[in-house]
Amino acid sequence: MTIEKIKENLNENLGNKVRIVFNIGRNKTEEFEAIIKELYNFIFIVETENKSFTYSDVLTQTVELHFD
């Protein structure tokens, strides 16, 4: 997967719900549902607790996105 493909997938699902699994280290994860709100050159913003992630977070599998 490339960053361009990640951006394309996010753009196709802009405004839709997504389940996010966030790897916080030491075999711990945080999982929540959010709505993809905004896309920028280097980050994307989801609606839940004002979190933002980089496309490289997805590329390096620190963040996993599961679209409904």
N, C-alpha and C. Protein backbone atom coordinates (compact mmCIF):
# COMPACT_ATOMS: atom_id res chain seq x y z
N MET A 1 0.84 -1.18 0.00
CA MET A 1 0.00 0.00 0.00
C MET A 1 0.89 1.24 0.00
N THR A 2 0.45 2.25 -0.72
CA THR A 2 1.20 3.49 -0.79
C THR A 2 0.40 4.62 -0.13
N ILE A 3 1.08 5.72 0.14
CA ILE A 3 0.39 6.87 0.73
C ILE A 3 -0.67 7.39 -0.24
N GLU A 4 -0.41 7.37 -1.53
CA GLU A 4 -1.41 7.82 -2.51
C GLU A 4 -2.66 6.95 -2.46
N LYS A 5 -2.49 5.65 -2.30
CA LYS A 5 -3.64 4.73 -2.21
C LYS A 5 -4.41 4.99 -0.91
N ILE A 6 -3.69 5.24 0.18
CA ILE A 6 -4.33 5.55 1.46
C ILE A 6 -5.15 6.83 1.32
N LYS A 7 -4.59 7.86 0.72
CA LYS A 7 -5.31 9.12 0.50
C LYS A 7 -6.55 8.89 -0.35
N GLU A 8 -6.42 8.08 -1.38
CA GLU A 8 -7.54 7.78 -2.27
C GLU A 8 -8.66 7.08 -1.50
N ASN A 9 -8.31 6.08 -0.68
CA ASN A 9 -9.31 5.37 0.13
C ASN A 9 -10.00 6.30 1.11
N LEU A 10 -9.23 7.17 1.75
CA LEU A 10 -9.81 8.12 2.69
C LEU A 10 -10.72 9.11 1.97
N ASN A 11 -10.30 9.59 0.80
CA ASN A 11 -11.11 10.54 0.05
C ASN A 11 -12.43 9.91 -0.38
N GLU A 12 -12.40 8.64 -0.78
CA GLU A 12 -13.62 7.93 -1.17
C GLU A 12 -14.58 7.76 0.01
N ASN A 13 -14.04 7.76 1.22
CA ASN A 13 -14.85 7.55 2.42
C ASN A 13 -15.01 8.80 3.27
N LEU A 14 -14.69 9.96 2.71
CA LEU A 14 -14.84 11.23 3.41
C LEU A 14 -16.29 11.40 3.87
N GLY A 15 -16.48 11.66 5.16
CA GLY A 15 -17.82 11.82 5.72
C GLY A 15 -18.43 10.52 6.20
N ASN A 16 -17.78 9.40 5.96
CA ASN A 16 -18.29 8.09 6.38
C ASN A 16 -17.67 7.64 7.69
N LYS A 17 -18.33 6.68 8.32
CA LYS A 17 -17.80 6.10 9.55
C LYS A 17 -16.62 5.19 9.24
N VAL A 18 -15.70 5.15 10.17
CA VAL A 18 -14.54 4.28 10.05
C VAL A 18 -14.20 3.76 11.44
N ARG A 19 -13.80 2.50 11.53
CA ARG A 19 -13.32 1.95 12.80
C ARG A 19 -11.80 2.06 12.77
N ILE A 20 -11.25 2.67 13.81
CA ILE A 20 -9.81 2.92 13.87
C ILE A 20 -9.21 2.10 15.00
N VAL A 21 -8.15 1.39 14.68
CA VAL A 21 -7.37 0.67 15.69
C VAL A 21 -6.02 1.36 15.73
N PHE A 22 -5.70 1.95 16.88
CA PHE A 22 -4.50 2.75 17.06
C PHE A 22 -3.53 2.00 17.96
N ASN A 23 -2.35 1.68 17.44
CA ASN A 23 -1.33 0.96 18.20
C ASN A 23 -0.57 1.97 19.06
N ILE A 24 -0.75 1.89 20.38
CA ILE A 24 -0.10 2.85 21.28
C ILE A 24 1.17 2.29 21.90
N GLY A 25 1.60 1.12 21.45
CA GLY A 25 2.87 0.55 21.89
C GLY A 25 2.72 -0.50 22.97
N ARG A 26 3.76 -1.29 23.14
CA ARG A 26 3.81 -2.36 24.13
C ARG A 26 2.57 -3.25 24.08
N ASN A 27 2.21 -3.64 22.86
CA ASN A 27 1.07 -4.53 22.63
C ASN A 27 -0.25 -3.97 23.15
N LYS A 28 -0.38 -2.66 23.20
CA LYS A 28 -1.62 -2.02 23.62
C LYS A 28 -2.22 -1.29 22.42
N THR A 29 -3.53 -1.41 22.30
CA THR A 29 -4.23 -0.72 21.22
C THR A 29 -5.44 0.03 21.77
N GLU A 30 -5.83 1.04 21.05
CA GLU A 30 -7.03 1.80 21.36
C GLU A 30 -7.92 1.69 20.12
N GLU A 31 -9.18 1.35 20.31
CA GLU A 31 -10.09 1.16 19.19
C GLU A 31 -11.31 2.05 19.37
N PHE A 32 -11.71 2.72 18.30
CA PHE A 32 -12.89 3.57 18.37
C PHE A 32 -13.45 3.79 16.97
N GLU A 33 -14.72 4.23 16.92
CA GLU A 33 -15.35 4.59 15.66
C GLU A 33 -15.32 6.09 15.50
N ALA A 34 -15.17 6.55 14.28
CA ALA A 34 -15.09 7.97 14.01
C ALA A 34 -15.63 8.24 12.61
N ILE A 35 -15.76 9.52 12.30
CA ILE A 35 -16.15 9.95 10.97
C ILE A 35 -14.98 10.72 10.37
N ILE A 36 -14.60 10.39 9.16
CA ILE A 36 -13.51 11.09 8.49
C ILE A 36 -14.02 12.48 8.11
N LYS A 37 -13.42 13.52 8.70
CA LYS A 37 -13.91 14.88 8.52
C LYS A 37 -13.13 15.69 7.49
N GLU A 38 -11.81 15.69 7.60
CA GLU A 38 -11.01 16.55 6.72
C GLU A 38 -9.73 15.83 6.30
N LEU A 39 -9.31 16.13 5.07
CA LEU A 39 -8.07 15.59 4.53
C LEU A 39 -7.15 16.74 4.17
N TYR A 40 -5.91 16.62 4.55
CA TYR A 40 -4.89 17.62 4.22
C TYR A 40 -3.71 16.91 3.56
N ASN A 41 -2.69 17.66 3.19
CA ASN A 41 -1.54 17.07 2.50
C ASN A 41 -0.86 15.98 3.32
N PHE A 42 -0.70 16.20 4.63
CA PHE A 42 0.08 15.26 5.44
C PHE A 42 -0.70 14.60 6.56
N ILE A 43 -1.89 15.09 6.88
CA ILE A 43 -2.69 14.50 7.95
C ILE A 43 -4.14 14.40 7.53
N PHE A 44 -4.90 13.58 8.28
CA PHE A 44 -6.35 13.57 8.13
C PHE A 44 -6.96 13.67 9.52
N ILE A 45 -8.14 14.25 9.59
CA ILE A 45 -8.80 14.49 10.87
C ILE A 45 -10.09 13.69 10.92
N VAL A 46 -10.30 13.05 12.07
CA VAL A 46 -11.53 12.30 12.29
C VAL A 46 -12.32 12.96 13.42
N GLU A 47 -13.64 12.80 13.35
CA GLU A 47 -14.51 13.40 14.36
C GLU A 47 -14.70 12.43 15.51
N THR A 48 -13.92 12.60 16.53
CA THR A 48 -14.03 11.92 17.81
C THR A 48 -12.86 12.38 18.64
N GLU A 49 -13.12 13.03 19.69
CA GLU A 49 -12.08 13.50 20.60
C GLU A 49 -10.98 14.30 19.89
N ASN A 50 -11.29 14.92 18.76
CA ASN A 50 -10.35 15.76 18.02
C ASN A 50 -9.01 15.09 17.77
N LYS A 51 -9.03 13.91 17.22
CA LYS A 51 -7.80 13.20 16.90
C LYS A 51 -7.43 13.43 15.45
N SER A 52 -6.14 13.43 15.19
CA SER A 52 -5.66 13.50 13.82
C SER A 52 -4.51 12.50 13.68
N PHE A 53 -4.34 12.02 12.46
CA PHE A 53 -3.31 11.03 12.18
C PHE A 53 -2.62 11.40 10.88
N THR A 54 -1.43 10.87 10.68
CA THR A 54 -0.74 11.08 9.42
C THR A 54 -0.98 9.87 8.52
N TYR A 55 -0.79 10.07 7.23
CA TYR A 55 -0.93 8.96 6.29
C TYR A 55 0.15 7.92 6.55
N SER A 56 1.31 8.35 7.01
CA SER A 56 2.38 7.39 7.31
C SER A 56 2.03 6.54 8.53
N ASP A 57 1.16 7.05 9.44
CA ASP A 57 0.68 6.20 10.54
C ASP A 57 -0.05 4.98 9.98
N VAL A 58 -0.81 5.19 8.90
CA VAL A 58 -1.53 4.09 8.26
C VAL A 58 -0.54 3.21 7.50
N LEU A 59 0.38 3.84 6.80
CA LEU A 59 1.37 3.10 6.02
C LEU A 59 2.22 2.19 6.90
N THR A 60 2.61 2.67 8.08
CA THR A 60 3.45 1.88 8.99
C THR A 60 2.63 1.01 9.92
N GLN A 61 1.32 0.99 9.74
CA GLN A 61 0.37 0.18 10.50
C GLN A 61 0.30 0.55 11.98
N THR A 62 0.68 1.79 12.31
CA THR A 62 0.44 2.30 13.66
C THR A 62 -1.05 2.54 13.83
N VAL A 63 -1.71 2.88 12.73
CA VAL A 63 -3.15 3.08 12.71
C VAL A 63 -3.73 2.18 11.63
N GLU A 64 -4.77 1.42 11.98
CA GLU A 64 -5.49 0.60 11.01
C GLU A 64 -6.86 1.20 10.81
N LEU A 65 -7.30 1.27 9.56
CA LEU A 65 -8.62 1.80 9.23
C LEU A 65 -9.48 0.66 8.68
N HIS A 66 -10.70 0.55 9.19
CA HIS A 66 -11.65 -0.45 8.73
C HIS A 66 -12.92 0.28 8.32
N PHE A 67 -13.17 0.37 7.01
CA PHE A 67 -14.32 1.08 6.50
C PHE A 67 -15.55 0.20 6.55
N ASP A 68 -16.70 0.81 6.87
CA ASP A 68 -17.98 0.06 6.91
C ASP A 68 -18.47 -0.27 5.54
